[in-house]
Amino acid sequence: MQTKVLDLKSKSKAILFQTKQSHFLQNWWSRDTYERFQEKNKCFIDHYNNYTFPLLGEIPNYNGPIGVNGRKTLGENIAGKICVKNE
């Protein structure tokens, strides 16, 4: 079974689906489960948005970010928190 993540932004459909042998997508998360998952994601995003590296601001002519974008690093942050290794 292969897992696919689709962002349908629909109130009537869950976001995570799995394909079966027939290759049709089957909804396997309830709306409530998805909403709770999003709440947990928001906690991770907010937490990592607070990580900053002030020394970067002291580099002459540096105009880049001095902090972490929690939304862009969400997958890595969750994996790191639960110690998932990609080998």
N, C-alpha and C. Protein backbone atom coordinates (compact mmCIF):
# COMPACT_ATOMS: atom_id res chain seq x y z
N MET A 1 0.84 -1.17 0.00
CA MET A 1 0.00 0.00 0.00
C MET A 1 0.89 1.24 0.00
N GLN A 2 0.55 2.22 -0.80
CA GLN A 2 1.34 3.43 -0.91
C GLN A 2 0.56 4.58 -0.30
N THR A 3 1.23 5.41 0.51
CA THR A 3 0.58 6.55 1.14
C THR A 3 0.81 7.78 0.29
N LYS A 4 -0.23 8.57 0.09
CA LYS A 4 -0.12 9.82 -0.64
C LYS A 4 -0.68 10.92 0.22
N VAL A 5 -0.09 12.09 0.16
CA VAL A 5 -0.58 13.25 0.88
C VAL A 5 -1.16 14.21 -0.15
N LEU A 6 -2.42 14.52 -0.01
CA LEU A 6 -3.08 15.44 -0.92
C LEU A 6 -3.70 16.57 -0.12
N ASP A 7 -3.50 17.78 -0.55
CA ASP A 7 -4.08 18.93 0.13
C ASP A 7 -5.33 19.35 -0.62
N LEU A 8 -6.46 18.81 -0.23
CA LEU A 8 -7.71 19.08 -0.94
C LEU A 8 -8.43 20.30 -0.38
N LYS A 9 -8.08 20.72 0.83
CA LYS A 9 -8.71 21.86 1.49
C LYS A 9 -10.24 21.77 1.43
N SER A 10 -10.75 20.59 1.64
CA SER A 10 -12.18 20.37 1.60
C SER A 10 -12.66 19.94 2.98
N LYS A 11 -13.76 20.48 3.41
CA LYS A 11 -14.27 20.13 4.73
C LYS A 11 -14.89 18.73 4.74
N SER A 12 -15.21 18.18 3.59
CA SER A 12 -15.88 16.89 3.56
C SER A 12 -14.92 15.73 3.31
N LYS A 13 -13.66 16.03 3.02
CA LYS A 13 -12.72 14.96 2.71
C LYS A 13 -11.50 15.06 3.62
N ALA A 14 -10.95 13.93 3.97
CA ALA A 14 -9.71 13.91 4.74
C ALA A 14 -8.55 14.14 3.77
N ILE A 15 -7.39 14.41 4.32
CA ILE A 15 -6.26 14.77 3.49
C ILE A 15 -5.37 13.58 3.19
N LEU A 16 -5.26 12.64 4.08
CA LEU A 16 -4.40 11.49 3.83
C LEU A 16 -5.20 10.34 3.26
N PHE A 17 -4.66 9.74 2.23
CA PHE A 17 -5.32 8.63 1.56
C PHE A 17 -4.29 7.52 1.35
N GLN A 18 -4.77 6.33 1.14
CA GLN A 18 -3.90 5.23 0.75
C GLN A 18 -4.47 4.60 -0.50
N THR A 19 -3.58 4.20 -1.38
CA THR A 19 -4.05 3.50 -2.58
C THR A 19 -4.08 2.01 -2.29
N LYS A 20 -5.09 1.35 -2.77
CA LYS A 20 -5.20 -0.10 -2.65
C LYS A 20 -4.81 -0.72 -3.98
N GLN A 21 -4.92 -2.00 -4.10
CA GLN A 21 -4.55 -2.68 -5.34
C GLN A 21 -5.33 -2.13 -6.53
N SER A 22 -6.51 -1.64 -6.30
CA SER A 22 -7.32 -1.10 -7.39
C SER A 22 -6.84 0.29 -7.82
N HIS A 23 -5.92 0.88 -7.07
CA HIS A 23 -5.34 2.20 -7.33
C HIS A 23 -6.32 3.34 -7.13
N PHE A 24 -7.43 3.09 -6.47
CA PHE A 24 -8.33 4.16 -6.10
C PHE A 24 -7.90 4.70 -4.74
N LEU A 25 -8.08 6.00 -4.54
CA LEU A 25 -7.75 6.59 -3.24
C LEU A 25 -8.87 6.32 -2.26
N GLN A 26 -8.48 5.95 -1.04
CA GLN A 26 -9.47 5.67 -0.01
C GLN A 26 -9.19 6.57 1.19
N ASN A 27 -10.19 7.30 1.61
CA ASN A 27 -10.09 8.18 2.77
C ASN A 27 -9.94 7.32 4.02
N TRP A 28 -8.89 7.57 4.82
CA TRP A 28 -8.74 6.79 6.04
C TRP A 28 -8.54 7.65 7.28
N TRP A 29 -8.73 8.97 7.15
CA TRP A 29 -8.72 9.87 8.31
C TRP A 29 -10.07 10.56 8.39
N SER A 30 -10.59 10.67 9.62
CA SER A 30 -11.81 11.45 9.80
C SER A 30 -11.43 12.93 9.81
N ARG A 31 -12.43 13.78 9.64
CA ARG A 31 -12.19 15.23 9.68
C ARG A 31 -11.62 15.63 11.04
N ASP A 32 -12.15 15.05 12.11
CA ASP A 32 -11.67 15.36 13.46
C ASP A 32 -10.19 14.98 13.62
N THR A 33 -9.81 13.81 13.12
CA THR A 33 -8.41 13.38 13.20
C THR A 33 -7.52 14.35 12.45
N TYR A 34 -7.94 14.75 11.25
CA TYR A 34 -7.15 15.69 10.45
C TYR A 34 -7.01 17.02 11.17
N GLU A 35 -8.08 17.53 11.77
CA GLU A 35 -8.02 18.81 12.47
C GLU A 35 -7.09 18.74 13.68
N ARG A 36 -7.12 17.62 14.41
CA ARG A 36 -6.21 17.46 15.55
C ARG A 36 -4.76 17.38 15.07
N PHE A 37 -4.54 16.71 13.94
CA PHE A 37 -3.21 16.63 13.34
C PHE A 37 -2.71 18.02 12.98
N GLN A 38 -3.58 18.85 12.41
CA GLN A 38 -3.20 20.22 12.05
C GLN A 38 -2.87 21.05 13.29
N GLU A 39 -3.59 20.83 14.38
CA GLU A 39 -3.28 21.55 15.63
C GLU A 39 -1.89 21.19 16.13
N LYS A 40 -1.55 19.91 16.07
CA LYS A 40 -0.21 19.47 16.48
C LYS A 40 0.85 20.07 15.56
N ASN A 41 0.56 20.10 14.25
CA ASN A 41 1.50 20.71 13.31
C ASN A 41 1.74 22.17 13.66
N LYS A 42 0.68 22.88 14.02
CA LYS A 42 0.81 24.30 14.37
C LYS A 42 1.73 24.47 15.57
N CYS A 43 1.66 23.56 16.53
CA CYS A 43 2.56 23.63 17.69
C CYS A 43 4.01 23.50 17.25
N PHE A 44 4.29 22.56 16.35
CA PHE A 44 5.65 22.40 15.83
C PHE A 44 6.09 23.65 15.09
N ILE A 45 5.22 24.16 14.23
CA ILE A 45 5.56 25.35 13.44
C ILE A 45 5.87 26.52 14.35
N ASP A 46 5.00 26.78 15.32
CA ASP A 46 5.23 27.90 16.25
C ASP A 46 6.51 27.72 17.05
N HIS A 47 6.75 26.50 17.49
CA HIS A 47 7.95 26.22 18.29
C HIS A 47 9.22 26.51 17.48
N TYR A 48 9.29 25.99 16.25
CA TYR A 48 10.50 26.17 15.45
C TYR A 48 10.60 27.56 14.84
N ASN A 49 9.50 28.28 14.70
CA ASN A 49 9.56 29.67 14.26
C ASN A 49 10.31 30.53 15.27
N ASN A 50 10.37 30.09 16.52
CA ASN A 50 11.06 30.85 17.57
C ASN A 50 12.56 30.62 17.59
N TYR A 51 13.08 29.67 16.80
CA TYR A 51 14.52 29.44 16.74
C TYR A 51 15.16 30.54 15.90
N THR A 52 16.08 31.25 16.50
CA THR A 52 16.80 32.30 15.76
C THR A 52 18.30 32.14 15.98
N PHE A 53 19.04 32.71 15.07
CA PHE A 53 20.50 32.68 15.12
C PHE A 53 21.00 34.12 15.01
N PRO A 54 21.02 34.85 16.13
CA PRO A 54 21.37 36.27 16.10
C PRO A 54 22.74 36.56 15.48
N LEU A 55 23.67 35.63 15.57
CA LEU A 55 25.00 35.86 15.00
C LEU A 55 24.94 36.09 13.49
N LEU A 56 23.94 35.53 12.82
CA LEU A 56 23.80 35.75 11.38
C LEU A 56 23.58 37.23 11.07
N GLY A 57 22.90 37.93 11.95
CA GLY A 57 22.66 39.35 11.77
C GLY A 57 23.91 40.20 11.91
N GLU A 58 24.96 39.63 12.47
CA GLU A 58 26.21 40.35 12.65
C GLU A 58 27.18 40.19 11.48
N ILE A 59 26.84 39.34 10.53
CA ILE A 59 27.69 39.14 9.37
C ILE A 59 27.51 40.33 8.42
N PRO A 60 28.62 41.00 8.06
CA PRO A 60 28.50 42.16 7.16
C PRO A 60 27.83 41.77 5.83
N ASN A 61 26.93 42.60 5.37
CA ASN A 61 26.22 42.44 4.10
C ASN A 61 25.33 41.20 4.04
N TYR A 62 25.03 40.59 5.17
CA TYR A 62 24.13 39.43 5.18
C TYR A 62 22.70 39.93 5.25
N ASN A 63 21.89 39.56 4.27
CA ASN A 63 20.49 40.00 4.23
C ASN A 63 19.52 38.84 4.30
N GLY A 64 19.99 37.65 4.61
CA GLY A 64 19.14 36.47 4.66
C GLY A 64 18.40 36.36 5.98
N PRO A 65 17.66 35.28 6.13
CA PRO A 65 16.90 35.07 7.37
C PRO A 65 17.84 34.79 8.55
N ILE A 66 17.39 35.14 9.74
CA ILE A 66 18.17 34.82 10.94
C ILE A 66 17.45 33.81 11.81
N GLY A 67 16.38 33.24 11.29
CA GLY A 67 15.63 32.25 12.04
C GLY A 67 15.18 31.10 11.16
N VAL A 68 14.46 30.19 11.78
CA VAL A 68 13.96 29.00 11.11
C VAL A 68 12.53 29.26 10.65
N ASN A 69 12.19 28.80 9.46
CA ASN A 69 10.81 28.84 8.98
C ASN A 69 10.18 27.51 9.37
N GLY A 70 9.40 27.51 10.43
CA GLY A 70 8.83 26.28 10.97
C GLY A 70 7.93 25.54 9.99
N ARG A 71 7.28 26.26 9.08
CA ARG A 71 6.40 25.61 8.10
C ARG A 71 7.24 24.87 7.06
N LYS A 72 8.33 25.49 6.60
CA LYS A 72 9.16 24.85 5.58
C LYS A 72 9.93 23.65 6.13
N THR A 73 10.22 23.65 7.40
CA THR A 73 11.01 22.57 8.00
C THR A 73 10.15 21.59 8.80
N LEU A 74 8.84 21.66 8.64
CA LEU A 74 7.92 20.87 9.47
C LEU A 74 8.22 19.38 9.43
N GLY A 75 8.36 18.81 8.24
CA GLY A 75 8.62 17.37 8.13
C GLY A 75 9.90 16.96 8.83
N GLU A 76 10.96 17.75 8.64
CA GLU A 76 12.23 17.45 9.30
C GLU A 76 12.09 17.58 10.81
N ASN A 77 11.38 18.60 11.25
CA ASN A 77 11.24 18.83 12.69
C ASN A 77 10.47 17.70 13.37
N ILE A 78 9.42 17.23 12.74
CA ILE A 78 8.65 16.12 13.31
C ILE A 78 9.52 14.86 13.33
N ALA A 79 10.19 14.58 12.22
CA ALA A 79 11.04 13.40 12.15
C ALA A 79 12.15 13.46 13.19
N GLY A 80 12.76 14.62 13.35
CA GLY A 80 13.83 14.77 14.33
C GLY A 80 13.32 14.61 15.75
N LYS A 81 12.13 15.08 16.00
CA LYS A 81 11.57 14.99 17.36
C LYS A 81 11.28 13.54 17.73
N ILE A 82 10.89 12.72 16.76
CA ILE A 82 10.59 11.32 17.07
C ILE A 82 11.72 10.39 16.64
N CYS A 83 12.86 10.99 16.29
CA CYS A 83 14.09 10.25 15.97
C CYS A 83 13.93 9.31 14.78
N VAL A 84 13.33 9.79 13.71
CA VAL A 84 13.23 9.00 12.48
C VAL A 84 14.52 9.20 11.70
N LYS A 85 15.10 8.10 11.23
CA LYS A 85 16.33 8.18 10.46
C LYS A 85 16.04 7.79 9.02
N ASN A 86 16.61 8.54 8.11
CA ASN A 86 16.49 8.24 6.69
C ASN A 86 17.82 7.67 6.24
N GLU A 87 17.87 6.38 6.03
CA GLU A 87 19.13 5.74 5.66
C GLU A 87 19.06 5.17 4.28
